[in-house]
Each structure stands twice: as C-alpha cells, then as structure tokens.
Amino acid sequence: MYAIIRTGGKQYQVAAGARLRVEKLAGEVGDTVELSDVLLVAEGDNVKIGQPSVAGAKVTARILEQGKGKKVLIFKKKRRKGYQLKKGHRQLYTALEIKDISL
C-alpha cells in the first residue's frame, strides 16, 4: 500500500516504514503528525484518486529530526563595475518516518 501526499508545496510517494525529508513542520522530535492532504491511495489494484484529495484519508508519521540542509551559495557579479554579492541559504527541513496510511 502506498500514497501520494502533498506538503510544503511538493508531492511525495510514501509507504509504511518509509523515511523522507519534507519542508519544516511544526513539532518536536518524537511527536506524531497527521498529513491529511492525500492525493492518491493505492493498495494492489484498488486505486483511489482524490479530486483534489481523497476524502477521509490520512497518513500518520513520526518526526525523527528537525534540521537544516546543506548551504546553498548565491554569487552575483557584474564585470568591470566592482559589484559582487555573495549570500548563503540553509533550508529548514523535518525528517519523517511514515507509520500508517488509513482511509
């Protein structure tokens, strides 16, 4: 059984026991979160597609980690003008372990 969920403006295919990193969610390490924006649920040949989401479906997950990703450097330069700009960004993320998919 697997599901496709939407969180943080992105879509993820998940199954029970899967681990994934999503955009930061509120909560502490060890907390349980319910993701109710489920776009598709499939179990063998039985597939339920939502319009836009499947009614009554939810995915339960446990927060494994709250952290920051690798630094992404942004560098801008204009030749012969003495203009240089260097910035860095570290995106916040939440690591999840999928516990259950229910309809």
PDB file of N, CA and C in Angstrom:
ATOM      1  N   MET A   1       0.848  -1.180   0.000  1.00  0.00           N
ATOM      2  CA  MET A   1       0.000   0.000   0.000  1.00  0.00           C
ATOM      3  C   MET A   1       0.888   1.236   0.000  1.00  0.00           C
ATOM      4  N   TYR A   2       0.556   2.199  -0.858  1.00  0.00           N
ATOM      5  CA  TYR A   2       1.287   3.456  -0.889  1.00  0.00           C
ATOM      6  C   TYR A   2       0.325   4.608  -1.111  1.00  0.00           C
ATOM      7  N   ALA A   3       0.814   5.809  -0.842  1.00  0.00           N
ATOM      8  CA  ALA A   3       0.000   7.013  -1.006  1.00  0.00           C
ATOM      9  C   ALA A   3       0.871   8.122  -1.574  1.00  0.00           C
ATOM     10  N   ILE A   4       0.221   9.082  -2.194  1.00  0.00           N
ATOM     11  CA  ILE A   4       0.906  10.283  -2.642  1.00  0.00           C
ATOM     12  C   ILE A   4       0.340  11.435  -1.830  1.00  0.00           C
ATOM     13  N   ILE A   5       1.232  12.138  -1.107  1.00  0.00           N
ATOM     14  CA  ILE A   5       0.818  13.233  -0.243  1.00  0.00           C
ATOM     15  C   ILE A   5       1.398  14.543  -0.754  1.00  0.00           C
ATOM     16  N   ARG A   6       0.786  15.635  -0.314  1.00  0.00           N
ATOM     17  CA  ARG A   6       1.286  16.972  -0.662  1.00  0.00           C
ATOM     18  C   ARG A   6       1.554  17.725   0.632  1.00  0.00           C
ATOM     19  N   THR A   7       2.779  18.201   0.774  1.00  0.00           N
ATOM     20  CA  THR A   7       3.147  19.030   1.915  1.00  0.00           C
ATOM     21  C   THR A   7       4.289  19.946   1.506  1.00  0.00           C
ATOM     22  N   GLY A   8       4.238  21.170   1.957  1.00  0.00           N
ATOM     23  CA  GLY A   8       5.287  22.130   1.643  1.00  0.00           C
ATOM     24  C   GLY A   8       5.366  22.485   0.170  1.00  0.00           C
ATOM     25  N   GLY A   9       4.244  22.353  -0.565  1.00  0.00           N
ATOM     26  CA  GLY A   9       4.234  22.684  -1.976  1.00  0.00           C
ATOM     27  C   GLY A   9       4.832  21.613  -2.870  1.00  0.00           C
ATOM     28  N   LYS A  10       5.147  20.446  -2.312  1.00  0.00           N
ATOM     29  CA  LYS A  10       5.722  19.354  -3.086  1.00  0.00           C
ATOM     30  C   LYS A  10       4.901  18.087  -2.863  1.00  0.00           C
ATOM     31  N   GLN A  11       5.050  17.127  -3.763  1.00  0.00           N
ATOM     32  CA  GLN A  11       4.346  15.853  -3.651  1.00  0.00           C
ATOM     33  C   GLN A  11       5.349  14.738  -3.409  1.00  0.00           C
ATOM     34  N   TYR A  12       4.961  13.777  -2.550  1.00  0.00           N
ATOM     35  CA  TYR A  12       5.832  12.670  -2.189  1.00  0.00           C
ATOM     36  C   TYR A  12       5.045  11.367  -2.254  1.00  0.00           C
ATOM     37  N   GLN A  13       5.693  10.307  -2.759  1.00  0.00           N
ATOM     38  CA  GLN A  13       5.109   8.977  -2.710  1.00  0.00           C
ATOM     39  C   GLN A  13       5.635   8.296  -1.456  1.00  0.00           C
ATOM     40  N   VAL A  14       4.716   7.819  -0.602  1.00  0.00           N
ATOM     41  CA  VAL A  14       5.117   7.244   0.678  1.00  0.00           C
ATOM     42  C   VAL A  14       4.472   5.883   0.881  1.00  0.00           C
ATOM     43  N   ALA A  15       5.126   5.055   1.670  1.00  0.00           N
ATOM     44  CA  ALA A  15       4.607   3.757   2.094  1.00  0.00           C
ATOM     45  C   ALA A  15       4.951   3.606   3.576  1.00  0.00           C
ATOM     46  N   ALA A  16       4.302   2.671   4.239  1.00  0.00           N
ATOM     47  CA  ALA A  16       4.564   2.455   5.660  1.00  0.00           C
ATOM     48  C   ALA A  16       6.025   2.074   5.858  1.00  0.00           C
ATOM     49  N   GLY A  17       6.694   2.720   6.804  1.00  0.00           N
ATOM     50  CA  GLY A  17       8.096   2.457   7.089  1.00  0.00           C
ATOM     51  C   GLY A  17       9.063   3.340   6.320  1.00  0.00           C
ATOM     52  N   ALA A  18       8.567   4.112   5.364  1.00  0.00           N
ATOM     53  CA  ALA A  18       9.441   4.976   4.561  1.00  0.00           C
ATOM     54  C   ALA A  18       9.907   6.172   5.385  1.00  0.00           C
ATOM     55  N   ARG A  19      11.095   6.666   5.050  1.00  0.00           N
ATOM     56  CA  ARG A  19      11.643   7.865   5.689  1.00  0.00           C
ATOM     57  C   ARG A  19      11.857   8.905   4.610  1.00  0.00           C
ATOM     58  N   LEU A  20      11.504  10.154   4.916  1.00  0.00           N
ATOM     59  CA  LEU A  20      11.685  11.219   3.942  1.00  0.00           C
ATOM     60  C   LEU A  20      11.870  12.552   4.640  1.00  0.00           C
ATOM     61  N   ARG A  21      12.441  13.504   3.884  1.00  0.00           N
ATOM     62  CA  ARG A  21      12.630  14.862   4.365  1.00  0.00           C
ATOM     63  C   ARG A  21      11.636  15.765   3.654  1.00  0.00           C
ATOM     64  N   VAL A  22      10.895  16.547   4.441  1.00  0.00           N
ATOM     65  CA  VAL A  22       9.925  17.481   3.890  1.00  0.00           C
ATOM     66  C   VAL A  22      10.242  18.885   4.394  1.00  0.00           C
ATOM     67  N   GLU A  23       9.588  19.877   3.833  1.00  0.00           N
ATOM     68  CA  GLU A  23       9.734  21.240   4.336  1.00  0.00           C
ATOM     69  C   GLU A  23       9.333  21.256   5.803  1.00  0.00           C
ATOM     70  N   LYS A  24       9.877  22.178   6.564  1.00  0.00           N
ATOM     71  CA  LYS A  24       9.705  22.213   8.024  1.00  0.00           C
ATOM     72  C   LYS A  24       8.244  22.169   8.448  1.00  0.00           C
ATOM     73  N   LEU A  25       7.948  21.258   9.376  1.00  0.00           N
ATOM     74  CA  LEU A  25       6.633  21.150  10.000  1.00  0.00           C
ATOM     75  C   LEU A  25       6.769  21.477  11.481  1.00  0.00           C
ATOM     76  N   ALA A  26       5.720  21.997  12.067  1.00  0.00           N
ATOM     77  CA  ALA A  26       5.735  22.321  13.491  1.00  0.00           C
ATOM     78  C   ALA A  26       5.710  21.030  14.306  1.00  0.00           C
ATOM     79  N   GLY A  27       6.483  20.988  15.384  1.00  0.00           N
ATOM     80  CA  GLY A  27       6.501  19.825  16.259  1.00  0.00           C
ATOM     81  C   GLY A  27       7.901  19.525  16.754  1.00  0.00           C
ATOM     82  N   GLU A  28       7.964  18.715  17.792  1.00  0.00           N
ATOM     83  CA  GLU A  28       9.230  18.305  18.382  1.00  0.00           C
ATOM     84  C   GLU A  28       9.592  16.899  17.917  1.00  0.00           C
ATOM     85  N   VAL A  29      10.854  16.532  18.102  1.00  0.00           N
ATOM     86  CA  VAL A  29      11.311  15.187  17.744  1.00  0.00           C
ATOM     87  C   VAL A  29      10.545  14.171  18.587  1.00  0.00           C
ATOM     88  N   GLY A  30      10.008  13.146  17.934  1.00  0.00           N
ATOM     89  CA  GLY A  30       9.223  12.126  18.627  1.00  0.00           C
ATOM     90  C   GLY A  30       7.733  12.352  18.543  1.00  0.00           C
ATOM     91  N   ASP A  31       7.306  13.551  18.168  1.00  0.00           N
ATOM     92  CA  ASP A  31       5.875  13.844  18.030  1.00  0.00           C
ATOM     93  C   ASP A  31       5.297  13.108  16.821  1.00  0.00           C
ATOM     94  N   THR A  32       3.975  12.913  16.857  1.00  0.00           N
ATOM     95  CA  THR A  32       3.257  12.303  15.752  1.00  0.00           C
ATOM     96  C   THR A  32       2.497  13.386  15.006  1.00  0.00           C
ATOM     97  N   VAL A  33       2.587  13.359  13.669  1.00  0.00           N
ATOM     98  CA  VAL A  33       1.858  14.320  12.844  1.00  0.00           C
ATOM     99  C   VAL A  33       0.957  13.558  11.885  1.00  0.00           C
ATOM    100  N   GLU A  34      -0.188  14.172  11.564  1.00  0.00           N
ATOM    101  CA  GLU A  34      -1.118  13.591  10.605  1.00  0.00           C
ATOM    102  C   GLU A  34      -1.125  14.465   9.365  1.00  0.00           C
ATOM    103  N   LEU A  35      -0.867  13.864   8.221  1.00  0.00           N
ATOM    104  CA  LEU A  35      -0.884  14.561   6.947  1.00  0.00           C
ATOM    105  C   LEU A  35      -2.191  14.182   6.250  1.00  0.00           C
ATOM    106  N   SER A  36      -3.089  15.151   6.122  1.00  0.00           N
ATOM    107  CA  SER A  36      -4.419  14.851   5.584  1.00  0.00           C
ATOM    108  C   SER A  36      -4.578  15.237   4.121  1.00  0.00           C
ATOM    109  N   ASP A  37      -3.577  15.872   3.531  1.00  0.00           N
ATOM    110  CA  ASP A  37      -3.651  16.247   2.120  1.00  0.00           C
ATOM    111  C   ASP A  37      -3.128  15.076   1.275  1.00  0.00           C
ATOM    112  N   VAL A  38      -3.944  14.026   1.172  1.00  0.00           N
ATOM    113  CA  VAL A  38      -3.580  12.795   0.461  1.00  0.00           C
ATOM    114  C   VAL A  38      -4.212  12.851  -0.925  1.00  0.00           C
ATOM    115  N   LEU A  39      -3.389  12.789  -1.965  1.00  0.00           N
ATOM    116  CA  LEU A  39      -3.867  12.918  -3.340  1.00  0.00           C
ATOM    117  C   LEU A  39      -4.260  11.586  -3.956  1.00  0.00           C
ATOM    118  N   LEU A  40      -3.624  10.490  -3.531  1.00  0.00           N
ATOM    119  CA  LEU A  40      -3.889   9.177  -4.108  1.00  0.00           C
ATOM    120  C   LEU A  40      -3.546   8.112  -3.077  1.00  0.00           C
ATOM    121  N   VAL A  41      -4.365   7.064  -3.038  1.00  0.00           N
ATOM    122  CA  VAL A  41      -4.080   5.902  -2.193  1.00  0.00           C
ATOM    123  C   VAL A  41      -4.224   4.673  -3.073  1.00  0.00           C
ATOM    124  N   ALA A  42      -3.196   3.801  -3.064  1.00  0.00           N
ATOM    125  CA  ALA A  42      -3.229   2.594  -3.883  1.00  0.00           C
ATOM    126  C   ALA A  42      -2.892   1.385  -3.028  1.00  0.00           C
ATOM    127  N   GLU A  43      -3.718   0.343  -3.173  1.00  0.00           N
ATOM    128  CA  GLU A  43      -3.480  -0.918  -2.476  1.00  0.00           C
ATOM    129  C   GLU A  43      -3.725  -2.028  -3.488  1.00  0.00           C
ATOM    130  N   GLY A  44      -2.644  -2.528  -4.060  1.00  0.00           N
ATOM    131  CA  GLY A  44      -2.771  -3.526  -5.123  1.00  0.00           C
ATOM    132  C   GLY A  44      -3.412  -2.900  -6.353  1.00  0.00           C
ATOM    133  N   ASP A  45      -4.509  -3.489  -6.824  1.00  0.00           N
ATOM    134  CA  ASP A  45      -5.229  -2.949  -7.984  1.00  0.00           C
ATOM    135  C   ASP A  45      -6.264  -1.905  -7.594  1.00  0.00           C
ATOM    136  N   ASN A  46      -6.538  -1.766  -6.302  1.00  0.00           N
ATOM    137  CA  ASN A  46      -7.519  -0.794  -5.817  1.00  0.00           C
ATOM    138  C   ASN A  46      -6.845   0.567  -5.668  1.00  0.00           C
ATOM    139  N   VAL A  47      -7.203   1.523  -6.542  1.00  0.00           N
ATOM    140  CA  VAL A  47      -6.593   2.853  -6.535  1.00  0.00           C
ATOM    141  C   VAL A  47      -7.686   3.885  -6.327  1.00  0.00           C
ATOM    142  N   LYS A  48      -7.485   4.757  -5.344  1.00  0.00           N
ATOM    143  CA  LYS A  48      -8.421   5.860  -5.094  1.00  0.00           C
ATOM    144  C   LYS A  48      -7.711   7.171  -5.378  1.00  0.00           C
ATOM    145  N   ILE A  49      -8.281   7.931  -6.298  1.00  0.00           N
ATOM    146  CA  ILE A  49      -7.703   9.211  -6.684  1.00  0.00           C
ATOM    147  C   ILE A  49      -8.612  10.314  -6.187  1.00  0.00           C
ATOM    148  N   GLY A  50      -8.058  11.300  -5.515  1.00  0.00           N
ATOM    149  CA  GLY A  50      -8.834  12.403  -4.976  1.00  0.00           C
ATOM    150  C   GLY A  50      -9.014  13.512  -5.984  1.00  0.00           C
ATOM    151  N   GLN A  51     -10.024  14.336  -5.722  1.00  0.00           N
ATOM    152  CA  GLN A  51     -10.287  15.488  -6.582  1.00  0.00           C
ATOM    153  C   GLN A  51     -10.508  16.712  -5.718  1.00  0.00           C
ATOM    154  N   PRO A  52      -9.555  17.389  -5.146  1.00  0.00           N
ATOM    155  CA  PRO A  52      -8.121  17.170  -5.301  1.00  0.00           C
ATOM    156  C   PRO A  52      -7.539  16.186  -4.295  1.00  0.00           C
ATOM    157  N   SER A  53      -8.231  15.918  -3.174  1.00  0.00           N
ATOM    158  CA  SER A  53      -7.661  14.977  -2.204  1.00  0.00           C
ATOM    159  C   SER A  53      -8.693  13.906  -1.862  1.00  0.00           C
ATOM    160  N   VAL A  54      -8.212  12.764  -1.391  1.00  0.00           N
ATOM    161  CA  VAL A  54      -9.070  11.638  -1.044  1.00  0.00           C
ATOM    162  C   VAL A  54      -9.760  11.945   0.278  1.00  0.00           C
ATOM    163  N   ALA A  55     -11.090  11.872   0.281  1.00  0.00           N
ATOM    164  CA  ALA A  55     -11.862  12.193   1.482  1.00  0.00           C
ATOM    165  C   ALA A  55     -11.628  11.138   2.560  1.00  0.00           C
ATOM    166  N   GLY A  56     -11.308  11.582   3.766  1.00  0.00           N
ATOM    167  CA  GLY A  56     -11.137  10.683   4.904  1.00  0.00           C
ATOM    168  C   GLY A  56      -9.789   9.987   4.984  1.00  0.00           C
ATOM    169  N   ALA A  57      -8.934  10.188   4.009  1.00  0.00           N
ATOM    170  CA  ALA A  57      -7.622   9.531   4.037  1.00  0.00           C
ATOM    171  C   ALA A  57      -6.632  10.378   4.822  1.00  0.00           C
ATOM    172  N   LYS A  58      -5.748   9.706   5.542  1.00  0.00           N
ATOM    173  CA  LYS A  58      -4.693  10.421   6.260  1.00  0.00           C
ATOM    174  C   LYS A  58      -3.476   9.529   6.404  1.00  0.00           C
ATOM    175  N   VAL A  59      -2.339  10.175   6.518  1.00  0.00           N
ATOM    176  CA  VAL A  59      -1.059   9.489   6.697  1.00  0.00           C
ATOM    177  C   VAL A  59      -0.506   9.920   8.046  1.00  0.00           C
ATOM    178  N   THR A  60      -0.162   8.957   8.876  1.00  0.00           N
ATOM    179  CA  THR A  60       0.398   9.231  10.192  1.00  0.00           C
ATOM    180  C   THR A  60       1.906   9.028  10.138  1.00  0.00           C
ATOM    181  N   ALA A  61       2.640   9.998  10.669  1.00  0.00           N
ATOM    182  CA  ALA A  61       4.103   9.935  10.635  1.00  0.00           C
ATOM    183  C   ALA A  61       4.670  10.405  11.965  1.00  0.00           C
ATOM    184  N   ARG A  62       5.904   9.988  12.230  1.00  0.00           N
ATOM    185  CA  ARG A  62       6.614  10.400  13.441  1.00  0.00           C
ATOM    186  C   ARG A  62       7.798  11.265  13.034  1.00  0.00           C
ATOM    187  N   ILE A  63       8.013  12.354  13.785  1.00  0.00           N
ATOM    188  CA  ILE A  63       9.122  13.263  13.494  1.00  0.00           C
ATOM    189  C   ILE A  63      10.414  12.656  14.032  1.00  0.00           C
ATOM    190  N   LEU A  64      11.376  12.447  13.117  1.00  0.00           N
ATOM    191  CA  LEU A  64      12.668  11.891  13.506  1.00  0.00           C
ATOM    192  C   LEU A  64      13.698  12.974  13.781  1.00  0.00           C
ATOM    193  N   GLU A  65      13.610  14.086  13.036  1.00  0.00           N
ATOM    194  CA  GLU A  65      14.649  15.105  13.133  1.00  0.00           C
ATOM    195  C   GLU A  65      14.119  16.436  12.621  1.00  0.00           C
ATOM    196  N   GLN A  66      14.558  17.518  13.254  1.00  0.00           N
ATOM    197  CA  GLN A  66      14.339  18.874  12.762  1.00  0.00           C
ATOM    198  C   GLN A  66      15.725  19.436  12.492  1.00  0.00           C
ATOM    199  N   GLY A  67      15.974  19.920  11.286  1.00  0.00           N
ATOM    200  CA  GLY A  67      17.325  20.382  10.999  1.00  0.00           C
ATOM    201  C   GLY A  67      17.400  21.346   9.840  1.00  0.00           C
ATOM    202  N   LYS A  68      18.638  21.611   9.435  1.00  0.00           N
ATOM    203  CA  LYS A  68      18.917  22.488   8.304  1.00  0.00           C
ATOM    204  C   LYS A  68      19.662  21.698   7.245  1.00  0.00           C
ATOM    205  N   GLY A  69      19.356  21.963   5.985  1.00  0.00           N
ATOM    206  CA  GLY A  69      20.031  21.298   4.880  1.00  0.00           C
ATOM    207  C   GLY A  69      21.399  21.895   4.631  1.00  0.00           C
ATOM    208  N   LYS A  70      22.066  21.414   3.577  1.00  0.00           N
ATOM    209  CA  LYS A  70      23.370  21.934   3.205  1.00  0.00           C
ATOM    210  C   LYS A  70      23.242  23.367   2.721  1.00  0.00           C
ATOM    211  N   LYS A  71      24.313  24.124   2.877  1.00  0.00           N
ATOM    212  CA  LYS A  71      24.298  25.527   2.472  1.00  0.00           C
ATOM    213  C   LYS A  71      24.355  25.642   0.948  1.00  0.00           C
ATOM    214  N   VAL A  72      23.479  26.498   0.427  1.00  0.00           N
ATOM    215  CA  VAL A  72      23.474  26.813  -0.993  1.00  0.00           C
ATOM    216  C   VAL A  72      24.023  28.225  -1.130  1.00  0.00           C
ATOM    217  N   LEU A  73      25.074  28.389  -1.944  1.00  0.00           N
ATOM    218  CA  LEU A  73      25.693  29.698  -2.125  1.00  0.00           C
ATOM    219  C   LEU A  73      25.132  30.393  -3.353  1.00  0.00           C
ATOM    220  N   ILE A  74      24.862  31.687  -3.205  1.00  0.00           N
ATOM    221  CA  ILE A  74      24.390  32.534  -4.290  1.00  0.00           C
ATOM    222  C   ILE A  74      25.468  33.585  -4.528  1.00  0.00           C
ATOM    223  N   PHE A  75      25.964  33.678  -5.749  1.00  0.00           N
ATOM    224  CA  PHE A  75      27.014  34.636  -6.068  1.00  0.00           C
ATOM    225  C   PHE A  75      26.617  35.404  -7.312  1.00  0.00           C
ATOM    226  N   LYS A  76      26.617  36.738  -7.198  1.00  0.00           N
ATOM    227  CA  LYS A  76      26.314  37.611  -8.332  1.00  0.00           C
ATOM    228  C   LYS A  76      27.498  38.527  -8.570  1.00  0.00           C
ATOM    229  N   LYS A  77      27.750  38.848  -9.832  1.00  0.00           N
ATOM    230  CA  LYS A  77      28.865  39.715 -10.171  1.00  0.00           C
ATOM    231  C   LYS A  77      28.563  40.434 -11.472  1.00  0.00           C
ATOM    232  N   LYS A  78      28.966  41.697 -11.532  1.00  0.00           N
ATOM    233  CA  LYS A  78      28.896  42.458 -12.775  1.00  0.00           C
ATOM    234  C   LYS A  78      30.311  42.865 -13.148  1.00  0.00           C
ATOM    235  N   ARG A  79      30.714  42.482 -14.302  1.00  0.00           N
ATOM    236  CA  ARG A  79      32.102  42.723 -14.691  1.00  0.00           C
ATOM    237  C   ARG A  79      32.381  44.213 -14.849  1.00  0.00           C
ATOM    238  N   ARG A  80      33.580  44.579 -14.465  1.00  0.00           N
ATOM    239  CA  ARG A  80      34.118  45.944 -14.587  1.00  0.00           C
ATOM    240  C   ARG A  80      33.347  46.975 -13.751  1.00  0.00           C
ATOM    241  N   LYS A  81      32.468  46.581 -12.876  1.00  0.00           N
ATOM    242  CA  LYS A  81      31.688  47.537 -12.083  1.00  0.00           C
ATOM    243  C   LYS A  81      32.006  47.467 -10.596  1.00  0.00           C
ATOM    244  N   GLY A  82      32.779  46.486 -10.185  1.00  0.00           N
ATOM    245  CA  GLY A  82      33.109  46.362  -8.770  1.00  0.00           C
ATOM    246  C   GLY A  82      31.963  45.830  -7.931  1.00  0.00           C
ATOM    247  N   TYR A  83      30.975  45.231  -8.589  1.00  0.00           N
ATOM    248  CA  TYR A  83      29.800  44.715  -7.886  1.00  0.00           C
ATOM    249  C   TYR A  83      29.931  43.211  -7.687  1.00  0.00           C
ATOM    250  N   GLN A  84      29.921  42.799  -6.429  1.00  0.00           N
ATOM    251  CA  GLN A  84      29.904  41.382  -6.085  1.00  0.00           C
ATOM    252  C   GLN A  84      28.955  41.189  -4.921  1.00  0.00           C
ATOM    253  N   LEU A  85      28.202  40.099  -4.961  1.00  0.00           N
ATOM    254  CA  LEU A  85      27.273  39.785  -3.887  1.00  0.00           C
ATOM    255  C   LEU A  85      27.357  38.289  -3.633  1.00  0.00           C
ATOM    256  N   LYS A  86      27.600  37.923  -2.385  1.00  0.00           N
ATOM    257  CA  LYS A  86      27.678  36.514  -2.014  1.00  0.00           C
ATOM    258  C   LYS A  86      26.761  36.287  -0.822  1.00  0.00           C
ATOM    259  N   LYS A  87      25.817  35.370  -0.980  1.00  0.00           N
ATOM    260  CA  LYS A  87      24.881  35.031   0.090  1.00  0.00           C
ATOM    261  C   LYS A  87      24.800  33.522   0.219  1.00  0.00           C
ATOM    262  N   GLY A  88      24.371  33.078   1.372  1.00  0.00           N
ATOM    263  CA  GLY A  88      24.170  31.656   1.609  1.00  0.00           C
ATOM    264  C   GLY A  88      22.784  31.419   2.187  1.00  0.00           C
ATOM    265  N   HIS A  89      22.257  30.209   1.966  1.00  0.00           N
ATOM    266  CA  HIS A  89      20.931  29.855   2.478  1.00  0.00           C
ATOM    267  C   HIS A  89      20.938  28.402   2.899  1.00  0.00           C
ATOM    268  N   ARG A  90      20.373  28.123   4.075  1.00  0.00           N
ATOM    269  CA  ARG A  90      20.197  26.751   4.551  1.00  0.00           C
ATOM    270  C   ARG A  90      18.709  26.529   4.794  1.00  0.00           C
ATOM    271  N   GLN A  91      18.112  25.633   4.030  1.00  0.00           N
ATOM    272  CA  GLN A  91      16.676  25.368   4.127  1.00  0.00           C
ATOM    273  C   GLN A  91      16.373  24.499   5.341  1.00  0.00           C
ATOM    274  N   LEU A  92      15.346  24.858   6.097  1.00  0.00           N
ATOM    275  CA  LEU A  92      14.904  24.058   7.238  1.00  0.00           C
ATOM    276  C   LEU A  92      14.116  22.850   6.735  1.00  0.00           C
ATOM    277  N   TYR A  93      14.284  21.706   7.399  1.00  0.00           N
ATOM    278  CA  TYR A  93      13.563  20.508   6.996  1.00  0.00           C
ATOM    279  C   TYR A  93      13.111  19.722   8.226  1.00  0.00           C
ATOM    280  N   THR A  94      12.183  18.802   7.995  1.00  0.00           N
ATOM    281  CA  THR A  94      11.719  17.871   9.011  1.00  0.00           C
ATOM    282  C   THR A  94      11.858  16.466   8.424  1.00  0.00           C
ATOM    283  N   ALA A  95      12.545  15.583   9.121  1.00  0.00           N
ATOM    284  CA  ALA A  95      12.666  14.189   8.689  1.00  0.00           C
ATOM    285  C   ALA A  95      11.524  13.396   9.319  1.00  0.00           C
ATOM    286  N   LEU A  96      10.791  12.656   8.489  1.00  0.00           N
ATOM    287  CA  LEU A  96       9.626  11.899   8.943  1.00  0.00           C
ATOM    288  C   LEU A  96       9.814  10.415   8.696  1.00  0.00           C
ATOM    289  N   GLU A  97       9.189   9.599   9.553  1.00  0.00           N
ATOM    290  CA  GLU A  97       9.070   8.169   9.320  1.00  0.00           C
ATOM    291  C   GLU A  97       7.586   7.866   9.243  1.00  0.00           C
ATOM    292  N   ILE A  98       7.142   7.313   8.127  1.00  0.00           N
ATOM    293  CA  ILE A  98       5.730   7.031   7.905  1.00  0.00           C
ATOM    294  C   ILE A  98       5.338   5.809   8.719  1.00  0.00           C
ATOM    295  N   LYS A  99       4.297   5.956   9.531  1.00  0.00           N
ATOM    296  CA  LYS A  99       3.822   4.860  10.375  1.00  0.00           C
ATOM    297  C   LYS A  99       2.648   4.137   9.761  1.00  0.00           C
ATOM    298  N   ASP A 100       1.650   4.895   9.257  1.00  0.00           N
ATOM    299  CA  ASP A 100       0.409   4.261   8.832  1.00  0.00           C
ATOM    300  C   ASP A 100      -0.270   5.083   7.761  1.00  0.00           C
ATOM    301  N   ILE A 101      -0.952   4.403   6.842  1.00  0.00           N
ATOM    302  CA  ILE A 101      -1.793   5.038   5.835  1.00  0.00           C
ATOM    303  C   ILE A 101      -3.198   4.494   6.053  1.00  0.00           C
ATOM    304  N   SER A 102      -4.155   5.396   6.293  1.00  0.00           N
ATOM    305  CA  SER A 102      -5.516   4.938   6.572  1.00  0.00           C
ATOM    306  C   SER A 102      -6.517   5.678   5.697  1.00  0.00           C
ATOM    307  N   LEU A 103      -7.617   4.984   5.405  1.00  0.00           N
ATOM    308  CA  LEU A 103      -8.690   5.572   4.593  1.00  0.00           C
ATOM    309  C   LEU A 103      -9.865   5.993   5.451  1.00  0.00           C
TER     310      LEU A 103
END
